[in-house]
Amino acid sequence: MTHELRFGEIDPLAIGAWILGTGGGGSPYLAQLCLKRLYAQGKRVRIIQPEDLDDDQMVGVASMMGAPLVLLERLVNPEELARAVQLMESTMNCKFTALMPIEIGGGNALAPFLAAALLDLPIVDADAMGRAFPEATNSSFSIGDLKMYPMALVDSRGVEAIVAKTPDWHWLERASRALCTEFGSVTATCKAPRTGAEVKKWGVLNTVTQSINIGRAVQNARERLEDPVAAVLAQESGKLIFQGKIMDVDRTTSGGFLRGNCNIAGTDSDKGQNIRLAFQNEWIAAFSGDEPVASTPELICLLDTESGESIGTETVRYGQRVSVVVLAAPGHLTTTKGLRHVGPRAFGYDFDYRSVFAA
């Protein structure tokens, strides 16, 4: 089944994707404006369901790559994303049936929509993370040991590059991240093409619809003067683990990543307590003292307590009143193999994943 993304669904998509971004994926704001402009010019994007793909049809995986802070400074360009897709088609001597996000989080949820609008291609209602993650090795395609190359990268100066072959996903990440850093820590990319069969087996399905539904829940709560954070929790069966005020933020951009910590002093029922959120582009773990209270692969979402708006690792600042919400992780990520790719130890932490939803 195919349906057209309506203009009125662009804002809910951006709101929901920013929440699912767990602090990363880049702010969707600029991509949101670009997509609205393309719609004003008469462009449209269709959404197709994964089950409607034939097994042998080819799907392009378009995204921006880089540090979230830099993505705020260098404007997203739909034409660069379209060029990355065309470069991949030329390299593979194929024609894509559709495009999809590598991650549904933040601006990268909207990035393939920009290319799709210019190239008149539909978007598959799926991604490969169900959230945002910092590295290619964190995708469900990597967990499934799918072919990781080639990868196309395009920058704003007209430079085009292909990572033609790597021995594994780790080296794909290293090679492409080095190129991205040289390009100024941001680049448009098209990842290795996926077949319809691969998308259906290893994709995280129906996440475009999920984003729109979350965004609508937040919008409806605002219109009714109700609690938008509670609306997110109800929509996603999530868990509120802390409310407070941002006290300080320590962050640095290095190696193409935004890394650091932010400290939150509790308010309301959490008054007198403190929590620390550690991040690598995305919120990776939450600590009370030295004790982890939540971690990847579950989605740690930092929301503005009043508006329900997601707060990114690049935009968090002193004084914000926030709610720390945890949403369940997609099934691919919580398998034994999945945890080797996206569990806390995959990010250098010396503890095992334990779900906040565990009895």
Protein backbone atom coordinates (compact mmCIF):
# COMPACT_ATOMS: atom_id res chain seq x y z
CA MET A 1 0.00 0.00 0.00
CA THR A 2 1.34 3.42 -0.98
CA HIS A 3 0.21 6.76 0.36
CA GLU A 4 1.42 10.29 -0.06
CA LEU A 5 3.02 12.05 2.89
CA ARG A 6 0.68 14.98 3.46
CA PHE A 7 2.04 18.47 4.14
CA GLY A 8 0.37 18.39 7.56
CA GLU A 9 2.35 15.24 8.45
CA ILE A 10 5.76 16.88 8.03
CA ASP A 11 5.72 18.55 11.46
CA PRO A 12 4.54 15.42 13.34
CA LEU A 13 7.19 13.38 11.51
CA ALA A 14 9.89 15.82 12.63
CA ILE A 15 8.63 15.96 16.23
CA GLY A 16 8.42 12.18 16.53
CA ALA A 17 11.73 11.53 14.80
CA TRP A 18 13.49 14.03 17.06
CA ILE A 19 12.17 12.14 20.09
CA LEU A 20 13.22 8.77 18.64
CA GLY A 21 16.63 10.30 17.90
CA THR A 22 17.59 9.96 21.57
CA GLY A 23 19.47 13.24 21.36
CA GLY A 24 21.16 12.51 18.02
CA GLY A 25 20.55 12.15 14.32
CA GLY A 26 20.87 15.92 14.02
CA SER A 27 18.09 18.42 14.65
CA PRO A 28 15.30 17.88 12.10
CA TYR A 29 14.48 21.59 11.94
CA LEU A 30 16.43 22.53 8.81
CA ALA A 31 15.43 19.36 6.94
CA GLN A 32 11.84 20.03 8.01
CA LEU A 33 12.01 23.52 6.45
CA CYS A 34 13.63 22.13 3.30
CA LEU A 35 10.92 19.50 2.88
CA LYS A 36 8.19 22.14 3.33
CA ARG A 37 9.87 24.28 0.69
CA LEU A 38 10.02 21.35 -1.72
CA TYR A 39 6.30 20.72 -1.11
CA ALA A 40 5.62 24.41 -1.83
CA GLN A 41 7.43 23.90 -5.14
CA GLY A 42 5.06 21.06 -6.00
CA LYS A 43 7.26 18.13 -5.00
CA ARG A 44 5.68 15.20 -3.17
CA VAL A 45 6.90 12.05 -1.38
CA ARG A 46 5.09 8.73 -1.29
CA ILE A 47 5.46 6.17 1.51
CA ILE A 48 5.38 2.46 0.76
CA GLN A 49 5.13 -0.45 3.17
CA PRO A 50 8.08 -2.89 3.44
CA GLU A 51 5.87 -5.86 2.56
CA ASP A 52 5.11 -4.25 -0.80
CA LEU A 53 8.76 -4.51 -1.87
CA ASP A 54 9.69 -7.38 -4.16
CA ASP A 55 12.60 -9.38 -2.74
CA ASP A 56 14.96 -8.37 -5.53
CA GLN A 57 14.08 -4.68 -5.71
CA MET A 58 16.87 -2.28 -4.69
CA VAL A 59 16.49 0.29 -1.91
CA GLY A 60 18.85 3.24 -1.39
CA VAL A 61 19.79 4.21 2.16
CA ALA A 62 20.34 7.99 2.26
CA SER A 63 21.48 10.00 5.25
CA MET A 64 23.65 12.80 6.54
CA MET A 65 26.77 11.81 8.44
CA GLY A 66 28.68 13.86 10.97
CA ALA A 67 28.73 15.52 14.36
CA PRO A 68 25.33 16.97 15.43
CA LEU A 69 26.86 20.32 16.41
CA VAL A 70 28.32 20.77 12.93
CA LEU A 71 25.00 19.77 11.36
CA LEU A 72 23.53 22.86 13.04
CA GLU A 73 26.15 25.10 11.43
CA ARG A 74 26.19 23.72 7.88
CA LEU A 75 22.77 23.72 6.29
CA VAL A 76 21.39 20.47 4.92
CA ASN A 77 21.20 20.54 1.13
CA PRO A 78 18.65 18.26 -0.61
CA GLU A 79 20.68 18.32 -3.81
CA GLU A 80 23.74 16.84 -2.06
CA LEU A 81 21.62 13.96 -0.76
CA ALA A 82 20.18 13.40 -4.24
CA ARG A 83 23.70 13.42 -5.70
CA ALA A 84 24.82 10.79 -3.19
CA VAL A 85 21.91 8.56 -4.27
CA GLN A 86 22.71 9.07 -7.95
CA LEU A 87 26.40 8.37 -7.33
CA MET A 88 25.46 5.05 -5.73
CA GLU A 89 23.13 4.15 -8.62
CA SER A 90 25.92 4.93 -11.08
CA THR A 91 28.46 2.92 -9.08
CA MET A 92 26.17 -0.10 -8.78
CA ASN A 93 24.67 0.29 -12.29
CA CYS A 94 21.20 -0.03 -10.80
CA LYS A 95 18.01 1.97 -10.36
CA PHE A 96 16.52 2.26 -6.90
CA THR A 97 12.87 1.36 -6.39
CA ALA A 98 12.74 3.41 -3.18
CA LEU A 99 14.81 5.11 -0.49
CA MET A 100 14.85 4.64 3.29
CA PRO A 101 16.51 6.20 6.36
CA ILE A 102 19.45 4.47 8.00
CA GLU A 103 18.07 5.81 11.29
CA ILE A 104 14.64 7.16 12.13
CA GLY A 105 16.14 9.57 14.66
CA GLY A 106 16.37 13.33 14.21
CA GLY A 107 17.16 14.98 10.90
CA ASN A 108 18.30 11.71 9.39
CA ALA A 109 14.70 10.54 9.40
CA LEU A 110 13.90 13.37 6.98
CA ALA A 111 17.13 13.27 4.95
CA PRO A 112 15.97 10.57 2.48
CA PHE A 113 12.66 12.41 2.07
CA LEU A 114 14.60 15.36 0.63
CA ALA A 115 16.38 13.17 -1.90
CA ALA A 116 13.15 11.31 -2.66
CA ALA A 117 11.30 14.56 -3.36
CA LEU A 118 13.93 15.58 -5.92
CA LEU A 119 14.28 12.14 -7.50
CA ASP A 120 10.57 11.19 -7.44
CA LEU A 121 11.17 8.03 -5.41
CA PRO A 122 9.03 6.64 -2.58
CA ILE A 123 10.21 6.15 1.01
CA VAL A 124 10.00 2.75 2.70
CA ASP A 125 8.25 2.81 6.09
CA ALA A 126 11.30 1.40 7.88
CA ASP A 127 14.83 2.18 9.02
CA ALA A 128 17.82 0.21 10.33
CA MET A 129 18.00 1.37 13.95
CA GLY A 130 14.56 2.29 15.29
CA ARG A 131 16.30 5.31 16.84
CA ALA A 132 19.62 7.07 16.16
CA PHE A 133 23.09 5.67 16.76
CA PRO A 134 26.51 7.18 16.04
CA GLU A 135 28.11 4.46 13.91
CA ALA A 136 27.34 2.20 10.95
CA THR A 137 28.27 -0.78 13.12
CA ASN A 138 25.19 -0.02 15.26
CA SER A 139 22.65 -0.71 12.51
CA SER A 140 20.42 -3.76 12.26
CA PHE A 141 22.01 -4.38 8.84
CA SER A 142 25.35 -4.71 10.60
CA ILE A 143 23.81 -7.00 13.23
CA GLY A 144 22.54 -9.15 10.34
CA ASP A 145 26.04 -9.31 8.79
CA LEU A 146 24.78 -7.85 5.52
CA LYS A 147 27.21 -6.55 2.92
CA MET A 148 28.51 -3.19 4.09
CA TYR A 149 29.96 -1.67 0.89
CA PRO A 150 30.07 0.35 -1.28
CA MET A 151 29.24 3.67 0.35
CA ALA A 152 28.92 7.02 -1.43
CA LEU A 153 29.83 10.35 0.18
CA VAL A 154 29.21 13.82 -1.26
CA ASP A 155 30.20 17.15 0.26
CA SER A 156 29.19 20.77 -0.27
CA ARG A 157 32.29 21.55 -2.37
CA GLY A 158 31.41 19.04 -5.07
CA VAL A 159 33.73 16.31 -3.81
CA GLU A 160 32.37 12.80 -4.44
CA ALA A 161 33.90 9.68 -2.90
CA ILE A 162 33.20 5.96 -2.86
CA VAL A 163 34.33 3.58 -0.17
CA ALA A 164 34.52 0.68 -2.62
CA LYS A 165 35.29 -2.21 -0.29
CA THR A 166 36.08 -2.90 3.36
CA PRO A 167 36.64 -6.18 5.22
CA ASP A 168 33.93 -5.51 7.78
CA TRP A 169 31.53 -2.90 9.22
CA HIS A 170 34.17 -1.62 11.64
CA TRP A 171 36.46 -0.66 8.78
CA LEU A 172 33.60 0.86 6.83
CA GLU A 173 32.96 3.12 9.81
CA ARG A 174 36.64 4.01 10.15
CA ALA A 175 37.13 4.78 6.47
CA SER A 176 33.92 6.75 5.99
CA ARG A 177 34.36 8.62 9.30
CA ALA A 178 37.85 9.71 8.23
CA LEU A 179 36.45 11.04 4.95
CA CYS A 180 33.60 12.73 6.78
CA THR A 181 36.04 14.43 9.16
CA GLU A 182 38.10 15.71 6.20
CA PHE A 183 34.91 17.00 4.58
CA GLY A 184 34.33 19.17 7.68
CA SER A 185 32.61 16.61 9.93
CA VAL A 186 29.46 16.53 7.81
CA THR A 187 28.63 14.87 4.50
CA ALA A 188 25.68 13.50 2.54
CA THR A 189 25.84 9.73 2.10
CA CYS A 190 24.17 6.79 0.44
CA LYS A 191 24.94 3.54 2.24
CA ALA A 192 25.23 0.11 0.65
CA PRO A 193 22.02 -0.71 -1.27
CA ARG A 194 19.60 -3.15 0.32
CA THR A 195 17.31 -5.62 -1.40
CA GLY A 196 13.64 -5.80 -0.57
CA ALA A 197 14.26 -9.14 1.12
CA GLU A 198 16.98 -7.63 3.34
CA VAL A 199 14.78 -4.70 4.33
CA LYS A 200 11.91 -6.98 5.29
CA LYS A 201 14.11 -9.32 7.33
CA TRP A 202 16.55 -6.91 8.96
CA GLY A 203 14.89 -3.50 8.85
CA VAL A 204 13.10 -1.97 11.83
CA LEU A 205 9.66 -1.76 10.27
CA ASN A 206 6.95 0.92 10.30
CA THR A 207 9.09 3.53 12.05
CA VAL A 208 8.05 6.40 9.75
CA THR A 209 4.46 5.81 10.84
CA GLN A 210 5.64 5.47 14.44
CA SER A 211 7.32 8.89 14.26
CA ILE A 212 4.24 10.56 12.83
CA ASN A 213 2.03 9.01 15.52
CA ILE A 214 4.35 10.20 18.31
CA GLY A 215 4.43 13.69 16.82
CA ARG A 216 0.65 13.81 16.56
CA ALA A 217 0.32 12.72 20.20
CA VAL A 218 2.56 15.62 21.27
CA GLN A 219 0.68 18.10 19.06
CA ASN A 220 -2.71 16.95 20.35
CA ALA A 221 -1.55 17.24 23.98
CA ARG A 222 -0.32 20.79 23.38
CA GLU A 223 -3.58 21.81 21.72
CA ARG A 224 -5.57 20.40 24.65
CA LEU A 225 -3.19 22.02 27.18
CA GLU A 226 -2.35 18.54 28.47
CA ASP A 227 1.01 17.06 29.44
CA PRO A 228 2.94 16.27 26.21
CA VAL A 229 5.50 14.12 28.06
CA ALA A 230 2.66 11.98 29.40
CA ALA A 231 1.32 11.75 25.84
CA VAL A 232 4.65 10.33 24.62
CA LEU A 233 4.69 7.84 27.49
CA ALA A 234 1.15 6.71 26.68
CA GLN A 235 1.78 6.49 22.93
CA GLU A 236 4.95 4.41 23.32
CA SER A 237 4.34 2.66 26.66
CA GLY A 238 7.47 4.40 27.91
CA LYS A 239 8.81 5.03 31.39
CA LEU A 240 9.62 8.35 33.07
CA ILE A 241 12.80 7.88 35.11
CA PHE A 242 13.70 11.44 36.17
CA GLN A 243 12.63 15.09 36.10
CA GLY A 244 14.90 17.99 36.81
CA LYS A 245 16.94 20.98 35.69
CA ILE A 246 20.10 20.92 33.58
CA MET A 247 22.97 22.05 35.80
CA ASP A 248 25.97 21.74 33.49
CA VAL A 249 27.06 20.29 30.16
CA ASP A 250 30.52 19.12 29.13
CA ARG A 251 30.88 18.33 25.42
CA THR A 252 33.51 18.22 22.71
CA THR A 253 33.58 17.36 19.02
CA SER A 254 36.33 14.93 18.06
CA GLY A 255 36.76 12.30 15.37
CA GLY A 256 33.43 13.25 13.79
CA PHE A 257 31.47 12.65 17.03
CA LEU A 258 29.96 14.87 19.71
CA ARG A 259 30.88 13.41 23.12
CA GLY A 260 30.29 14.42 26.70
CA ASN A 261 28.03 14.43 29.75
CA CYS A 262 25.26 16.54 31.20
CA ASN A 263 24.23 16.68 34.84
CA ILE A 264 20.63 17.09 35.95
CA ALA A 265 19.45 18.12 39.43
CA GLY A 266 16.10 16.63 40.38
CA THR A 267 12.90 18.60 40.81
CA ASP A 268 9.41 17.69 42.01
CA SER A 269 9.43 14.06 43.23
CA ASP A 270 13.12 13.75 42.28
CA LYS A 271 14.25 16.79 44.29
CA GLY A 272 17.50 16.14 46.14
CA GLN A 273 18.68 13.56 43.62
CA ASN A 274 20.99 13.90 40.62
CA ILE A 275 21.44 12.04 37.37
CA ARG A 276 24.14 12.16 34.69
CA LEU A 277 23.56 11.47 31.00
CA ALA A 278 26.56 10.35 28.94
CA PHE A 279 26.48 10.78 25.17
CA GLN A 280 28.27 9.98 21.92
CA ASN A 281 26.10 11.91 19.47
CA GLU A 282 23.14 10.18 21.23
CA TRP A 283 22.28 9.66 24.89
CA ILE A 284 24.03 6.37 25.62
CA ALA A 285 23.65 5.84 29.37
CA ALA A 286 22.14 7.43 32.48
CA PHE A 287 23.87 7.21 35.86
CA SER A 288 22.89 7.93 39.44
CA GLY A 289 26.31 8.37 41.01
CA ASP A 290 28.33 5.52 39.51
CA GLU A 291 25.29 3.27 39.16
CA PRO A 292 23.76 2.92 35.67
CA VAL A 293 19.99 3.38 35.69
CA ALA A 294 19.33 3.17 31.94
CA SER A 295 21.39 2.45 28.85
CA THR A 296 21.47 1.72 25.16
CA PRO A 297 19.89 0.03 23.27
CA GLU A 298 16.77 1.32 25.04
CA LEU A 299 15.93 4.84 23.94
CA ILE A 300 16.95 7.48 26.49
CA CYS A 301 14.99 10.57 25.45
CA LEU A 302 15.53 13.97 27.04
CA LEU A 303 12.34 16.01 26.65
CA ASP A 304 11.45 19.57 27.53
CA THR A 305 9.03 19.12 30.42
CA GLU A 306 6.65 21.84 29.25
CA SER A 307 6.58 21.34 25.47
CA GLY A 308 7.50 17.67 25.09
CA GLU A 309 10.09 18.75 22.51
CA SER A 310 13.16 16.54 22.29
CA ILE A 311 16.47 18.06 23.38
CA GLY A 312 19.56 17.10 21.41
CA THR A 313 23.04 16.55 22.71
CA GLU A 314 24.09 19.63 20.72
CA THR A 315 21.29 21.86 22.06
CA VAL A 316 21.07 20.87 25.73
CA ARG A 317 22.01 23.80 27.95
CA TYR A 318 21.99 25.04 31.53
CA GLY A 319 18.62 25.79 33.08
CA GLN A 320 16.38 23.66 30.87
CA ARG A 321 13.58 21.87 32.74
CA VAL A 322 13.66 18.33 31.47
CA SER A 323 12.09 14.90 31.71
CA VAL A 324 14.20 11.79 31.10
CA VAL A 325 12.07 9.18 29.36
CA VAL A 326 13.02 5.64 28.34
CA LEU A 327 11.34 3.85 25.43
CA ALA A 328 11.66 0.16 24.56
CA ALA A 329 14.33 -0.93 22.07
CA PRO A 330 13.50 -2.75 18.80
CA GLY A 331 13.88 -6.53 18.95
CA HIS A 332 16.91 -6.73 16.62
CA LEU A 333 18.91 -4.66 19.10
CA THR A 334 18.24 -6.70 22.23
CA THR A 335 19.34 -10.11 20.94
CA THR A 336 22.67 -11.49 22.17
CA LYS A 337 24.26 -10.53 18.85
CA GLY A 338 22.51 -7.19 18.82
CA LEU A 339 23.87 -6.26 22.24
CA ARG A 340 27.41 -6.89 21.03
CA HIS A 341 26.78 -4.11 18.51
CA VAL A 342 24.68 -1.66 20.52
CA GLY A 343 24.81 -2.61 24.21
CA PRO A 344 26.72 -0.46 26.72
CA ARG A 345 29.92 -2.47 26.30
CA ALA A 346 29.92 -1.60 22.59
CA PHE A 347 30.41 2.03 23.68
CA GLY A 348 33.17 1.29 26.18
CA TYR A 349 31.12 0.97 29.38
CA ASP A 350 31.95 -1.80 31.84
CA PHE A 351 28.46 -3.03 32.60
CA ASP A 352 25.81 -5.16 30.94
CA TYR A 353 22.49 -3.96 29.57
CA ARG A 354 19.52 -4.31 31.89
CA SER A 355 16.11 -3.16 30.74
CA VAL A 356 14.31 -0.51 32.80
CA PHE A 357 11.17 -2.44 31.94
CA ALA A 358 12.42 -5.63 33.60
CA ALA A 359 10.21 -6.82 36.44
